[in-house]
Amino acid sequence: MADPDPDDAALAAVLEELDAAEARVRKTAFVAAELEEALEEGGASRAELAAALDELAAAAVWVDALRRKREEAEAELGRPGVLRVHARRAGGR
């Protein structure tokens, strides 16, 4: 088996990081919603909610940056390379 193309590897790494960052956004959004509800019921403080919202905003900024990085990596590879990387990630060879 040939070594993977460095551009393929770069895109694959960005996609992995993007998956993790998007999962973080989902988790922090859930936590913020739970804290908002808890605040209404007296079970959380405004500071806790503010911290969760700050974390959510930071996570969203990171996702946006990774999406731009993904677009750049995809542009470097071209369509055939992008399809090859996505096929590998989906379990194909």
C-alpha atoms as a PDB file:
ATOM      1  CA  MET A   1       0.000   0.000   0.000  1.00  0.00           C
ATOM      2  CA  ALA A   2       1.405   3.394  -0.963  1.00  0.00           C
ATOM      3  CA  ASP A   3       1.952   6.118   1.580  1.00  0.00           C
ATOM      4  CA  PRO A   4      -0.983   8.520   1.655  1.00  0.00           C
ATOM      5  CA  ASP A   5      -0.563  11.781  -0.175  1.00  0.00           C
ATOM      6  CA  PRO A   6       0.376  14.583   2.264  1.00  0.00           C
ATOM      7  CA  ASP A   7      -2.492  16.704   0.942  1.00  0.00           C
ATOM      8  CA  ASP A   8      -4.886  13.785   1.532  1.00  0.00           C
ATOM      9  CA  ALA A   9      -3.548  13.420   5.066  1.00  0.00           C
ATOM     10  CA  ALA A  10      -3.902  17.157   5.694  1.00  0.00           C
ATOM     11  CA  LEU A  11      -7.546  17.156   4.633  1.00  0.00           C
ATOM     12  CA  ALA A  12      -8.265  14.006   6.645  1.00  0.00           C
ATOM     13  CA  ALA A  13      -6.730  15.626   9.742  1.00  0.00           C
ATOM     14  CA  VAL A  14      -8.806  18.790   9.284  1.00  0.00           C
ATOM     15  CA  LEU A  15     -11.961  16.713   8.870  1.00  0.00           C
ATOM     16  CA  GLU A  16     -11.215  14.773  12.072  1.00  0.00           C
ATOM     17  CA  GLU A  17     -10.605  17.994  13.975  1.00  0.00           C
ATOM     18  CA  LEU A  18     -13.754  19.522  12.505  1.00  0.00           C
ATOM     19  CA  ASP A  19     -15.793  16.515  13.648  1.00  0.00           C
ATOM     20  CA  ALA A  20     -14.469  16.958  17.186  1.00  0.00           C
ATOM     21  CA  ALA A  21     -15.075  20.711  17.151  1.00  0.00           C
ATOM     22  CA  GLU A  22     -18.656  20.274  15.908  1.00  0.00           C
ATOM     23  CA  ALA A  23     -19.250  17.721  18.680  1.00  0.00           C
ATOM     24  CA  ARG A  24     -17.948  20.283  21.169  1.00  0.00           C
ATOM     25  CA  VAL A  25     -20.399  22.874  19.838  1.00  0.00           C
ATOM     26  CA  ARG A  26     -23.280  20.425  20.244  1.00  0.00           C
ATOM     27  CA  LYS A  27     -22.218  19.554  23.780  1.00  0.00           C
ATOM     28  CA  THR A  28     -21.698  23.159  24.871  1.00  0.00           C
ATOM     29  CA  ALA A  29     -25.016  24.192  23.319  1.00  0.00           C
ATOM     30  CA  PHE A  30     -26.731  21.443  25.310  1.00  0.00           C
ATOM     31  CA  VAL A  31     -24.975  22.507  28.521  1.00  0.00           C
ATOM     32  CA  ALA A  32     -25.903  26.152  27.924  1.00  0.00           C
ATOM     33  CA  ALA A  33     -29.546  25.214  27.350  1.00  0.00           C
ATOM     34  CA  GLU A  34     -29.571  23.121  30.516  1.00  0.00           C
ATOM     35  CA  LEU A  35     -28.015  25.970  32.505  1.00  0.00           C
ATOM     36  CA  GLU A  36     -30.514  28.444  31.084  1.00  0.00           C
ATOM     37  CA  GLU A  37     -33.340  26.212  32.251  1.00  0.00           C
ATOM     38  CA  ALA A  38     -31.660  25.700  35.629  1.00  0.00           C
ATOM     39  CA  LEU A  39     -31.236  29.473  35.986  1.00  0.00           C
ATOM     40  CA  GLU A  40     -34.969  29.958  35.502  1.00  0.00           C
ATOM     41  CA  GLU A  41     -35.573  27.368  38.229  1.00  0.00           C
ATOM     42  CA  GLY A  42     -32.941  28.805  40.562  1.00  0.00           C
ATOM     43  CA  GLY A  43     -30.497  25.949  40.143  1.00  0.00           C
ATOM     44  CA  ALA A  44     -27.723  27.798  38.300  1.00  0.00           C
ATOM     45  CA  SER A  45     -26.126  31.210  38.390  1.00  0.00           C
ATOM     46  CA  ARG A  46     -25.901  33.846  35.701  1.00  0.00           C
ATOM     47  CA  ALA A  47     -22.114  33.482  35.867  1.00  0.00           C
ATOM     48  CA  GLU A  48     -22.356  29.759  35.053  1.00  0.00           C
ATOM     49  CA  LEU A  49     -24.612  30.483  32.099  1.00  0.00           C
ATOM     50  CA  ALA A  50     -22.363  33.311  30.905  1.00  0.00           C
ATOM     51  CA  ALA A  51     -19.334  31.016  31.060  1.00  0.00           C
ATOM     52  CA  ALA A  52     -21.164  28.334  29.085  1.00  0.00           C
ATOM     53  CA  LEU A  53     -22.247  30.868  26.462  1.00  0.00           C
ATOM     54  CA  ASP A  54     -18.664  32.149  26.193  1.00  0.00           C
ATOM     55  CA  GLU A  55     -17.451  28.576  25.687  1.00  0.00           C
ATOM     56  CA  LEU A  56     -20.133  28.032  23.049  1.00  0.00           C
ATOM     57  CA  ALA A  57     -19.091  31.191  21.208  1.00  0.00           C
ATOM     58  CA  ALA A  58     -15.434  30.143  21.283  1.00  0.00           C
ATOM     59  CA  ALA A  59     -16.321  26.672  20.000  1.00  0.00           C
ATOM     60  CA  ALA A  60     -18.366  28.178  17.164  1.00  0.00           C
ATOM     61  CA  VAL A  61     -15.462  30.445  16.172  1.00  0.00           C
ATOM     62  CA  TRP A  62     -13.147  27.401  16.103  1.00  0.00           C
ATOM     63  CA  VAL A  63     -15.609  25.495  13.898  1.00  0.00           C
ATOM     64  CA  ASP A  64     -15.751  28.425  11.479  1.00  0.00           C
ATOM     65  CA  ALA A  65     -11.942  28.540  11.317  1.00  0.00           C
ATOM     66  CA  LEU A  66     -11.764  24.801  10.681  1.00  0.00           C
ATOM     67  CA  ARG A  67     -14.389  25.051   7.946  1.00  0.00           C
ATOM     68  CA  ARG A  68     -12.243  27.657   6.191  1.00  0.00           C
ATOM     69  CA  LYS A  69      -9.201  25.405   6.647  1.00  0.00           C
ATOM     70  CA  ARG A  70     -11.202  22.491   5.183  1.00  0.00           C
ATOM     71  CA  GLU A  71     -12.166  24.597   2.169  1.00  0.00           C
ATOM     72  CA  GLU A  72      -8.515  25.523   1.598  1.00  0.00           C
ATOM     73  CA  ALA A  73      -7.412  21.881   1.887  1.00  0.00           C
ATOM     74  CA  GLU A  74     -10.160  20.802  -0.503  1.00  0.00           C
ATOM     75  CA  ALA A  75      -9.135  23.467  -3.005  1.00  0.00           C
ATOM     76  CA  GLU A  76      -5.542  22.167  -2.861  1.00  0.00           C
ATOM     77  CA  LEU A  77      -6.661  18.613  -3.606  1.00  0.00           C
ATOM     78  CA  GLY A  78      -9.279  19.210  -6.240  1.00  0.00           C
ATOM     79  CA  ARG A  79     -12.458  17.217  -6.616  1.00  0.00           C
ATOM     80  CA  PRO A  80     -10.909  13.759  -7.210  1.00  0.00           C
ATOM     81  CA  GLY A  81      -8.711  14.077  -4.122  1.00  0.00           C
ATOM     82  CA  VAL A  82     -11.571  15.319  -1.976  1.00  0.00           C
ATOM     83  CA  LEU A  83     -13.739  12.408  -3.074  1.00  0.00           C
ATOM     84  CA  ARG A  84     -10.883   9.988  -2.346  1.00  0.00           C
ATOM     85  CA  VAL A  85     -10.440  11.330   1.214  1.00  0.00           C
ATOM     86  CA  HIS A  86     -14.169  11.254   1.942  1.00  0.00           C
ATOM     87  CA  ALA A  87     -14.432   7.710   0.549  1.00  0.00           C
ATOM     88  CA  ARG A  88     -11.630   6.564   2.866  1.00  0.00           C
ATOM     89  CA  ARG A  89     -13.328   8.216   5.835  1.00  0.00           C
ATOM     90  CA  ALA A  90     -16.568   6.455   4.921  1.00  0.00           C
ATOM     91  CA  GLY A  91     -14.791   3.122   5.002  1.00  0.00           C
ATOM     92  CA  GLY A  92     -13.914   2.686   1.350  1.00  0.00           C
ATOM     93  CA  ARG A  93     -10.411   2.160  -0.002  1.00  0.00           C
END
